[in-house]
């Protein structure tokens, strides 16, 4: 089975007019990630990233009302400027999470003078996939992709 044909996936793809390196930086540099990761008016006050296979991350999104939504995960695959895979199945150092929800597979490919950016949210179950879709995956991840595009335009 390839990345492209799992029914548990939700996928967002955009052609972004910047080099792959700029998108990679926005996903792997905490100060950049904080600027776009949560759909406005949410913010991202915390982004701790140890970007290496087996490295952990801790990202906190904050609602306009001040509610913190922490996300912890572990990087499974790191191919600079090309592919980044992270899962919430682990909290850190191969310590299982209480309830795995998804694995995010990011790919960055040269296309039409820019980058074909694909964010694939692969869920453990169809029920999780459907719940994520109902939570507003398309709208929320779309807003974040727009914010990401604005941040990376100046990076080149």
N, C-alpha and C. Protein backbone atom coordinates (compact mmCIF):
# COMPACT_ATOMS: atom_id res chain seq x y z
N UNK A 1 0.84 -1.18 0.00
CA UNK A 1 0.00 0.00 0.00
C UNK A 1 0.89 1.24 0.00
N UNK A 2 0.61 2.17 -0.86
CA UNK A 2 1.39 3.40 -0.92
C UNK A 2 0.78 4.45 -0.01
N UNK A 3 1.50 5.57 0.13
CA UNK A 3 0.96 6.68 0.90
C UNK A 3 -0.37 7.16 0.35
N UNK A 4 -0.59 6.97 -0.94
CA UNK A 4 -1.71 7.61 -1.60
C UNK A 4 -3.03 6.85 -1.53
N UNK A 5 -3.06 5.65 -0.98
CA UNK A 5 -4.31 4.90 -1.13
C UNK A 5 -4.86 4.29 0.16
N UNK A 6 -4.63 4.92 1.30
CA UNK A 6 -5.18 4.41 2.54
C UNK A 6 -6.49 5.14 2.85
N UNK A 7 -7.59 4.43 3.02
CA UNK A 7 -8.88 5.10 3.25
C UNK A 7 -8.96 5.82 4.59
N UNK A 8 -8.02 5.61 5.49
CA UNK A 8 -8.03 6.30 6.79
C UNK A 8 -7.39 7.67 6.72
N UNK A 9 -6.96 8.08 5.53
CA UNK A 9 -6.25 9.35 5.35
C UNK A 9 -7.19 10.51 5.10
N UNK A 10 -6.77 11.66 5.59
CA UNK A 10 -7.29 12.95 5.15
C UNK A 10 -6.07 13.68 4.58
N UNK A 11 -6.24 14.32 3.43
CA UNK A 11 -5.08 14.87 2.73
C UNK A 11 -5.33 16.31 2.30
N UNK A 12 -4.31 17.12 2.48
CA UNK A 12 -4.31 18.49 1.98
C UNK A 12 -3.09 18.63 1.08
N UNK A 13 -3.29 19.14 -0.12
CA UNK A 13 -2.19 19.37 -1.06
C UNK A 13 -2.28 20.79 -1.59
N UNK A 14 -1.13 21.44 -1.65
CA UNK A 14 -1.06 22.80 -2.19
C UNK A 14 0.22 22.94 -3.01
N UNK A 15 0.14 23.75 -4.04
CA UNK A 15 1.34 24.18 -4.75
C UNK A 15 1.71 25.54 -4.17
N UNK A 16 2.86 25.61 -3.52
CA UNK A 16 3.28 26.82 -2.83
C UNK A 16 4.51 27.37 -3.55
N UNK A 17 4.48 28.65 -3.95
CA UNK A 17 5.53 29.20 -4.82
C UNK A 17 6.82 29.59 -4.08
N UNK A 18 7.38 28.61 -3.38
CA UNK A 18 8.66 28.81 -2.70
C UNK A 18 9.46 27.51 -2.82
N UNK A 19 10.76 27.56 -2.61
CA UNK A 19 11.57 26.34 -2.61
C UNK A 19 11.20 25.43 -1.44
N UNK A 20 11.45 24.14 -1.61
CA UNK A 20 11.18 23.15 -0.55
C UNK A 20 11.84 23.54 0.76
N UNK A 21 13.02 24.07 0.70
CA UNK A 21 13.77 24.42 1.91
C UNK A 21 12.99 25.36 2.82
N UNK A 22 12.26 26.30 2.23
CA UNK A 22 11.49 27.26 3.04
C UNK A 22 10.38 26.55 3.81
N UNK A 23 9.69 25.63 3.16
CA UNK A 23 8.63 24.88 3.85
C UNK A 23 9.22 23.98 4.93
N UNK A 24 10.34 23.36 4.62
CA UNK A 24 11.01 22.52 5.61
C UNK A 24 11.34 23.33 6.86
N UNK A 25 11.91 24.49 6.66
CA UNK A 25 12.27 25.35 7.79
C UNK A 25 11.04 25.70 8.63
N UNK A 26 9.92 25.99 7.97
CA UNK A 26 8.71 26.36 8.69
C UNK A 26 8.17 25.22 9.54
N UNK A 27 8.47 23.99 9.16
CA UNK A 27 8.05 22.82 9.93
C UNK A 27 9.06 22.41 10.99
N UNK A 28 10.30 22.85 10.87
CA UNK A 28 11.35 22.32 11.75
C UNK A 28 12.02 23.38 12.63
N UNK A 29 11.72 24.64 12.44
CA UNK A 29 12.27 25.70 13.28
C UNK A 29 11.15 26.24 14.17
N UNK A 30 11.30 26.10 15.49
CA UNK A 30 10.22 26.47 16.40
C UNK A 30 9.67 27.88 16.21
N UNK A 31 10.53 28.87 16.05
CA UNK A 31 10.05 30.25 15.93
C UNK A 31 9.20 30.44 14.68
N UNK A 32 9.51 29.72 13.62
CA UNK A 32 8.69 29.81 12.41
C UNK A 32 7.38 29.03 12.58
N UNK A 33 7.46 27.84 13.14
CA UNK A 33 6.26 27.01 13.32
C UNK A 33 5.22 27.73 14.18
N UNK A 34 5.65 28.44 15.19
CA UNK A 34 4.73 29.17 16.07
C UNK A 34 3.91 30.21 15.31
N UNK A 35 4.42 30.69 14.19
CA UNK A 35 3.76 31.77 13.45
C UNK A 35 2.58 31.28 12.60
N UNK A 36 2.48 29.96 12.35
CA UNK A 36 1.45 29.51 11.41
C UNK A 36 0.72 28.24 11.83
N UNK A 37 1.18 27.48 12.80
CA UNK A 37 0.72 26.11 13.04
C UNK A 37 -0.75 25.99 13.45
N UNK A 38 -1.26 26.93 14.22
CA UNK A 38 -2.66 26.86 14.67
C UNK A 38 -3.52 27.79 13.83
N UNK A 39 -4.73 27.35 13.47
CA UNK A 39 -5.58 28.22 12.65
C UNK A 39 -6.05 29.44 13.45
N UNK A 40 -5.76 30.64 12.93
CA UNK A 40 -6.19 31.87 13.61
C UNK A 40 -7.71 31.83 13.81
N UNK A 41 -8.16 32.27 14.95
CA UNK A 41 -7.49 33.09 15.97
C UNK A 41 -6.75 32.28 17.05
N UNK A 42 -6.60 30.98 16.89
CA UNK A 42 -5.77 30.19 17.80
C UNK A 42 -4.31 30.61 17.61
N UNK A 43 -3.50 30.38 18.62
CA UNK A 43 -2.07 30.69 18.55
C UNK A 43 -1.28 29.44 18.94
N UNK A 44 0.03 29.52 18.75
CA UNK A 44 0.94 28.42 19.12
C UNK A 44 2.03 28.99 20.01
N UNK A 45 1.79 29.03 21.33
CA UNK A 45 2.78 29.63 22.22
C UNK A 45 3.98 28.73 22.52
N UNK A 46 3.85 27.42 22.31
CA UNK A 46 4.92 26.48 22.63
C UNK A 46 5.20 25.60 21.42
N UNK A 47 6.46 25.52 21.03
CA UNK A 47 6.90 24.60 19.98
C UNK A 47 8.30 24.12 20.33
N UNK A 48 8.37 22.94 20.91
CA UNK A 48 9.65 22.32 21.25
C UNK A 48 9.84 21.16 20.28
N UNK A 49 10.87 21.23 19.44
CA UNK A 49 11.05 20.29 18.35
C UNK A 49 12.45 19.68 18.39
N UNK A 50 12.52 18.37 18.48
CA UNK A 50 13.78 17.64 18.37
C UNK A 50 13.68 16.82 17.08
N UNK A 51 13.96 17.49 15.96
CA UNK A 51 13.68 16.93 14.64
C UNK A 51 14.76 15.95 14.22
N UNK A 52 14.53 14.69 14.58
CA UNK A 52 15.39 13.56 14.20
C UNK A 52 14.56 12.31 14.44
N UNK A 53 14.85 11.24 13.72
CA UNK A 53 14.09 10.00 13.98
C UNK A 53 14.20 9.62 15.46
N UNK A 54 13.06 9.45 16.11
CA UNK A 54 13.03 9.15 17.53
C UNK A 54 12.97 10.38 18.41
N UNK A 55 13.18 11.56 17.83
CA UNK A 55 13.10 12.80 18.60
C UNK A 55 11.64 13.16 18.87
N UNK A 56 11.42 13.85 19.97
CA UNK A 56 10.05 14.19 20.33
C UNK A 56 9.74 15.65 20.02
N UNK A 57 8.45 15.94 20.02
CA UNK A 57 8.01 17.33 19.91
C UNK A 57 6.90 17.57 20.92
N UNK A 58 6.76 18.82 21.30
CA UNK A 58 5.70 19.27 22.18
C UNK A 58 5.22 20.59 21.62
N UNK A 59 4.00 20.60 21.11
CA UNK A 59 3.43 21.79 20.49
C UNK A 59 2.11 22.08 21.21
N UNK A 60 1.93 23.32 21.61
CA UNK A 60 0.70 23.72 22.30
C UNK A 60 -0.02 24.75 21.45
N UNK A 61 -1.27 24.45 21.15
CA UNK A 61 -2.14 25.43 20.51
C UNK A 61 -3.00 26.05 21.61
N UNK A 62 -3.28 27.34 21.50
CA UNK A 62 -4.08 28.04 22.51
C UNK A 62 -5.30 28.66 21.85
N UNK A 63 -6.46 28.39 22.43
CA UNK A 63 -7.71 28.95 21.92
C UNK A 63 -7.80 30.43 22.27
N UNK A 64 -8.68 31.16 21.59
CA UNK A 64 -8.86 32.58 21.94
C UNK A 64 -9.30 32.78 23.39
N UNK A 65 -9.93 31.76 23.98
CA UNK A 65 -10.37 31.83 25.38
C UNK A 65 -9.26 31.47 26.36
N UNK A 66 -8.09 31.08 25.85
CA UNK A 66 -6.96 30.75 26.71
C UNK A 66 -6.82 29.28 27.04
N UNK A 67 -7.61 28.42 26.41
CA UNK A 67 -7.49 26.98 26.66
C UNK A 67 -6.31 26.43 25.87
N UNK A 68 -5.42 25.72 26.57
CA UNK A 68 -4.26 25.12 25.93
C UNK A 68 -4.59 23.72 25.43
N UNK A 69 -4.17 23.42 24.22
CA UNK A 69 -4.38 22.13 23.58
C UNK A 69 -3.01 21.55 23.25
N UNK A 70 -2.43 20.78 24.19
CA UNK A 70 -1.09 20.25 23.98
C UNK A 70 -1.08 19.07 23.02
N UNK A 71 -0.05 19.01 22.23
CA UNK A 71 0.17 17.91 21.28
C UNK A 71 1.60 17.42 21.47
N UNK A 72 1.73 16.13 21.72
CA UNK A 72 3.06 15.53 21.85
C UNK A 72 3.20 14.43 20.81
N UNK A 73 4.41 14.28 20.32
CA UNK A 73 4.63 13.24 19.32
C UNK A 73 6.10 12.91 19.19
N UNK A 74 6.35 11.97 18.28
CA UNK A 74 7.71 11.51 18.00
C UNK A 74 7.90 11.47 16.49
N UNK A 75 9.05 11.94 16.04
CA UNK A 75 9.39 11.89 14.62
C UNK A 75 9.80 10.47 14.25
N UNK A 76 9.22 9.95 13.20
CA UNK A 76 9.54 8.60 12.72
C UNK A 76 10.52 8.63 11.56
N UNK A 77 10.36 9.62 10.69
CA UNK A 77 11.22 9.73 9.50
C UNK A 77 11.53 11.20 9.26
N UNK A 78 12.79 11.48 8.98
CA UNK A 78 13.23 12.85 8.73
C UNK A 78 14.16 12.83 7.52
N UNK A 79 13.68 13.33 6.40
CA UNK A 79 14.48 13.44 5.18
C UNK A 79 14.48 14.93 4.82
N UNK A 80 15.55 15.66 5.16
CA UNK A 80 15.55 17.11 5.00
C UNK A 80 15.05 17.57 3.63
N UNK A 81 14.17 18.57 3.69
CA UNK A 81 13.60 19.22 2.50
C UNK A 81 12.71 18.31 1.66
N UNK A 82 12.43 17.09 2.11
CA UNK A 82 11.70 16.12 1.29
C UNK A 82 10.54 15.47 2.01
N UNK A 83 10.76 14.96 3.22
CA UNK A 83 9.72 14.16 3.90
C UNK A 83 9.92 14.24 5.41
N UNK A 84 8.79 14.41 6.11
CA UNK A 84 8.79 14.46 7.56
C UNK A 84 7.58 13.66 8.04
N UNK A 85 7.83 12.68 8.91
CA UNK A 85 6.75 11.83 9.43
C UNK A 85 6.79 11.90 10.95
N UNK A 86 5.64 12.21 11.54
CA UNK A 86 5.53 12.34 12.99
C UNK A 86 4.23 11.68 13.44
N UNK A 87 4.25 11.08 14.62
CA UNK A 87 3.06 10.41 15.14
C UNK A 87 2.81 10.79 16.58
N UNK A 88 1.54 10.74 16.97
CA UNK A 88 1.20 10.93 18.37
C UNK A 88 1.03 9.58 19.08
N UNK A 89 1.44 8.49 18.43
CA UNK A 89 1.37 7.17 19.06
C UNK A 89 2.35 7.06 20.22
N UNK A 90 3.36 7.94 20.20
CA UNK A 90 4.34 8.00 21.28
C UNK A 90 4.38 9.43 21.81
N UNK A 91 4.62 9.56 23.11
CA UNK A 91 4.75 10.89 23.73
C UNK A 91 6.19 11.38 23.64
N UNK A 92 7.13 10.49 23.89
CA UNK A 92 8.55 10.81 23.85
C UNK A 92 9.32 9.51 24.04
N UNK A 93 10.51 9.44 23.45
CA UNK A 93 11.43 8.33 23.69
C UNK A 93 10.76 6.97 23.69
N UNK A 94 9.87 6.76 22.76
CA UNK A 94 9.18 5.48 22.57
C UNK A 94 8.28 5.10 23.75
N UNK A 95 7.80 6.12 24.45
CA UNK A 95 6.80 5.91 25.50
C UNK A 95 5.43 6.05 24.84
N UNK A 96 4.61 4.97 24.84
CA UNK A 96 3.32 5.04 24.15
C UNK A 96 2.40 6.13 24.73
N UNK A 97 1.62 6.73 23.84
CA UNK A 97 0.61 7.69 24.29
C UNK A 97 -0.60 6.92 24.82
N UNK A 98 -1.46 7.64 25.49
CA UNK A 98 -2.67 7.00 26.02
C UNK A 98 -3.60 6.54 24.91
N UNK A 99 -3.70 7.34 23.84
CA UNK A 99 -4.59 6.99 22.74
C UNK A 99 -4.03 7.55 21.45
N UNK A 100 -3.37 6.71 20.63
CA UNK A 100 -2.88 7.23 19.36
C UNK A 100 -4.04 7.67 18.47
N UNK A 101 -3.84 8.76 17.76
CA UNK A 101 -4.89 9.30 16.89
C UNK A 101 -4.44 9.33 15.43
N UNK A 102 -3.20 9.80 15.20
CA UNK A 102 -2.78 9.92 13.81
C UNK A 102 -1.28 9.92 13.65
N UNK A 103 -0.88 9.71 12.41
CA UNK A 103 0.48 9.91 11.94
C UNK A 103 0.39 10.94 10.83
N UNK A 104 1.24 11.94 10.88
CA UNK A 104 1.26 12.98 9.85
C UNK A 104 2.45 12.70 8.94
N UNK A 105 2.17 12.61 7.64
CA UNK A 105 3.19 12.38 6.62
C UNK A 105 3.24 13.63 5.75
N UNK A 106 4.34 14.36 5.83
CA UNK A 106 4.51 15.58 5.05
C UNK A 106 5.49 15.32 3.93
N UNK A 107 5.14 15.73 2.73
CA UNK A 107 6.08 15.62 1.61
C UNK A 107 6.21 16.97 0.92
N UNK A 108 7.42 17.23 0.43
CA UNK A 108 7.77 18.47 -0.24
C UNK A 108 8.44 18.09 -1.54
N UNK A 109 7.81 18.41 -2.68
CA UNK A 109 8.35 18.01 -3.98
C UNK A 109 8.40 19.22 -4.92
N UNK A 110 9.48 19.31 -5.70
CA UNK A 110 9.58 20.37 -6.70
C UNK A 110 8.45 20.23 -7.70
N UNK A 111 7.80 21.37 -8.02
CA UNK A 111 6.69 21.35 -8.97
C UNK A 111 6.45 22.77 -9.47
N UNK A 112 6.47 22.96 -10.77
CA UNK A 112 6.11 24.23 -11.42
C UNK A 112 6.85 25.43 -10.83
N UNK A 113 8.12 25.26 -10.52
CA UNK A 113 8.91 26.35 -9.99
C UNK A 113 8.70 26.62 -8.51
N UNK A 114 7.87 25.82 -7.86
CA UNK A 114 7.63 25.96 -6.42
C UNK A 114 7.70 24.59 -5.77
N UNK A 115 6.85 24.39 -4.78
CA UNK A 115 6.84 23.13 -4.04
C UNK A 115 5.43 22.57 -3.95
N UNK A 116 5.29 21.31 -4.31
CA UNK A 116 4.04 20.58 -4.08
C UNK A 116 4.10 20.10 -2.64
N UNK A 117 3.27 20.71 -1.80
CA UNK A 117 3.23 20.42 -0.37
C UNK A 117 2.04 19.51 -0.11
N UNK A 118 2.30 18.35 0.48
CA UNK A 118 1.22 17.42 0.80
C UNK A 118 1.30 17.08 2.28
N UNK A 119 0.20 17.32 2.97
CA UNK A 119 0.07 16.97 4.39
C UNK A 119 -0.98 15.87 4.48
N UNK A 120 -0.54 14.70 4.87
CA UNK A 120 -1.41 13.53 4.96
C UNK A 120 -1.60 13.18 6.43
N UNK A 121 -2.84 13.19 6.89
CA UNK A 121 -3.17 12.79 8.26
C UNK A 121 -3.70 11.36 8.19
N UNK A 122 -2.90 10.42 8.62
CA UNK A 122 -3.27 9.01 8.58
C UNK A 122 -3.73 8.60 9.98
N UNK A 123 -4.95 8.14 10.07
CA UNK A 123 -5.58 7.82 11.35
C UNK A 123 -5.52 6.33 11.62
N UNK A 124 -5.60 5.98 12.89
CA UNK A 124 -5.54 4.57 13.30
C UNK A 124 -6.81 3.83 12.93
N UNK A 125 -7.93 4.53 12.93
CA UNK A 125 -9.21 3.88 12.61
C UNK A 125 -10.02 4.79 11.70
N UNK A 126 -11.00 4.21 11.03
CA UNK A 126 -11.91 5.01 10.22
C UNK A 126 -12.73 5.94 11.11
N UNK A 127 -13.04 5.49 12.32
CA UNK A 127 -13.79 6.34 13.25
C UNK A 127 -12.99 7.59 13.60
N UNK A 128 -11.68 7.42 13.84
CA UNK A 128 -10.83 8.59 14.11
C UNK A 128 -10.77 9.50 12.90
N UNK A 129 -10.66 8.93 11.73
CA UNK A 129 -10.63 9.73 10.49
C UNK A 129 -11.91 10.54 10.38
N UNK A 130 -13.05 9.88 10.56
CA UNK A 130 -14.34 10.57 10.43
C UNK A 130 -14.50 11.66 11.49
N UNK A 131 -14.02 11.39 12.70
CA UNK A 131 -14.09 12.39 13.77
C UNK A 131 -13.23 13.60 13.42
N UNK A 132 -12.03 13.36 12.89
CA UNK A 132 -11.14 14.46 12.50
C UNK A 132 -11.77 15.28 11.37
N UNK A 133 -12.37 14.60 10.43
CA UNK A 133 -13.05 15.31 9.34
C UNK A 133 -14.18 16.17 9.88
N UNK A 134 -14.96 15.63 10.82
CA UNK A 134 -16.08 16.37 11.42
C UNK A 134 -15.59 17.54 12.28
N UNK A 135 -14.38 17.42 12.84
CA UNK A 135 -13.79 18.50 13.65
C UNK A 135 -13.41 19.69 12.77
N UNK A 136 -13.38 19.51 11.46
CA UNK A 136 -13.04 20.60 10.56
C UNK A 136 -11.67 20.49 9.94
N UNK A 137 -11.22 19.26 9.67
CA UNK A 137 -9.90 19.06 9.08
C UNK A 137 -9.68 19.97 7.87
N UNK A 138 -10.57 19.92 6.89
CA UNK A 138 -10.35 20.66 5.65
C UNK A 138 -10.23 22.16 5.91
N UNK A 139 -11.12 22.70 6.71
CA UNK A 139 -11.06 24.13 6.99
C UNK A 139 -9.84 24.49 7.83
N UNK A 140 -9.63 23.78 8.93
CA UNK A 140 -8.52 24.10 9.84
C UNK A 140 -7.16 23.94 9.20
N UNK A 141 -6.95 22.79 8.55
CA UNK A 141 -5.66 22.57 7.90
C UNK A 141 -5.49 23.49 6.69
N UNK A 142 -6.60 23.86 6.05
CA UNK A 142 -6.54 24.82 4.95
C UNK A 142 -6.11 26.20 5.43
N UNK A 143 -6.68 26.65 6.55
CA UNK A 143 -6.27 27.93 7.14
C UNK A 143 -4.79 27.89 7.48
N UNK A 144 -4.35 26.80 8.10
CA UNK A 144 -2.94 26.68 8.46
C UNK A 144 -2.04 26.69 7.22
N UNK A 145 -2.47 26.04 6.15
CA UNK A 145 -1.68 26.05 4.91
C UNK A 145 -1.58 27.46 4.34
N UNK A 146 -2.67 28.24 4.43
CA UNK A 146 -2.63 29.63 3.99
C UNK A 146 -1.66 30.43 4.85
N UNK A 147 -1.72 30.22 6.17
CA UNK A 147 -0.80 30.92 7.08
C UNK A 147 0.63 30.50 6.83
N UNK A 148 0.85 29.22 6.61
CA UNK A 148 2.18 28.70 6.28
C UNK A 148 2.72 29.38 5.03
N UNK A 149 1.88 29.49 4.01
CA UNK A 149 2.29 30.11 2.75
C UNK A 149 2.74 31.55 2.98
N UNK A 150 2.00 32.29 3.80
CA UNK A 150 2.38 33.67 4.08
C UNK A 150 3.72 33.74 4.80
N UNK A 151 3.94 32.86 5.75
CA UNK A 151 5.21 32.85 6.50
C UNK A 151 6.39 32.53 5.59
N UNK A 152 6.23 31.53 4.72
CA UNK A 152 7.38 31.08 3.91
C UNK A 152 7.66 31.97 2.71
N UNK A 153 6.73 32.79 2.30
CA UNK A 153 6.99 33.67 1.15
C UNK A 153 8.24 34.51 1.32
N UNK A 154 8.50 34.94 2.55
CA UNK A 154 9.67 35.77 2.81
C UNK A 154 10.95 35.00 3.06
N UNK A 155 10.88 33.67 3.10
CA UNK A 155 12.06 32.87 3.40
C UNK A 155 12.88 32.52 2.16
N UNK A 156 12.17 32.27 1.03
CA UNK A 156 12.83 31.92 -0.21
C UNK A 156 13.70 30.75 -0.21
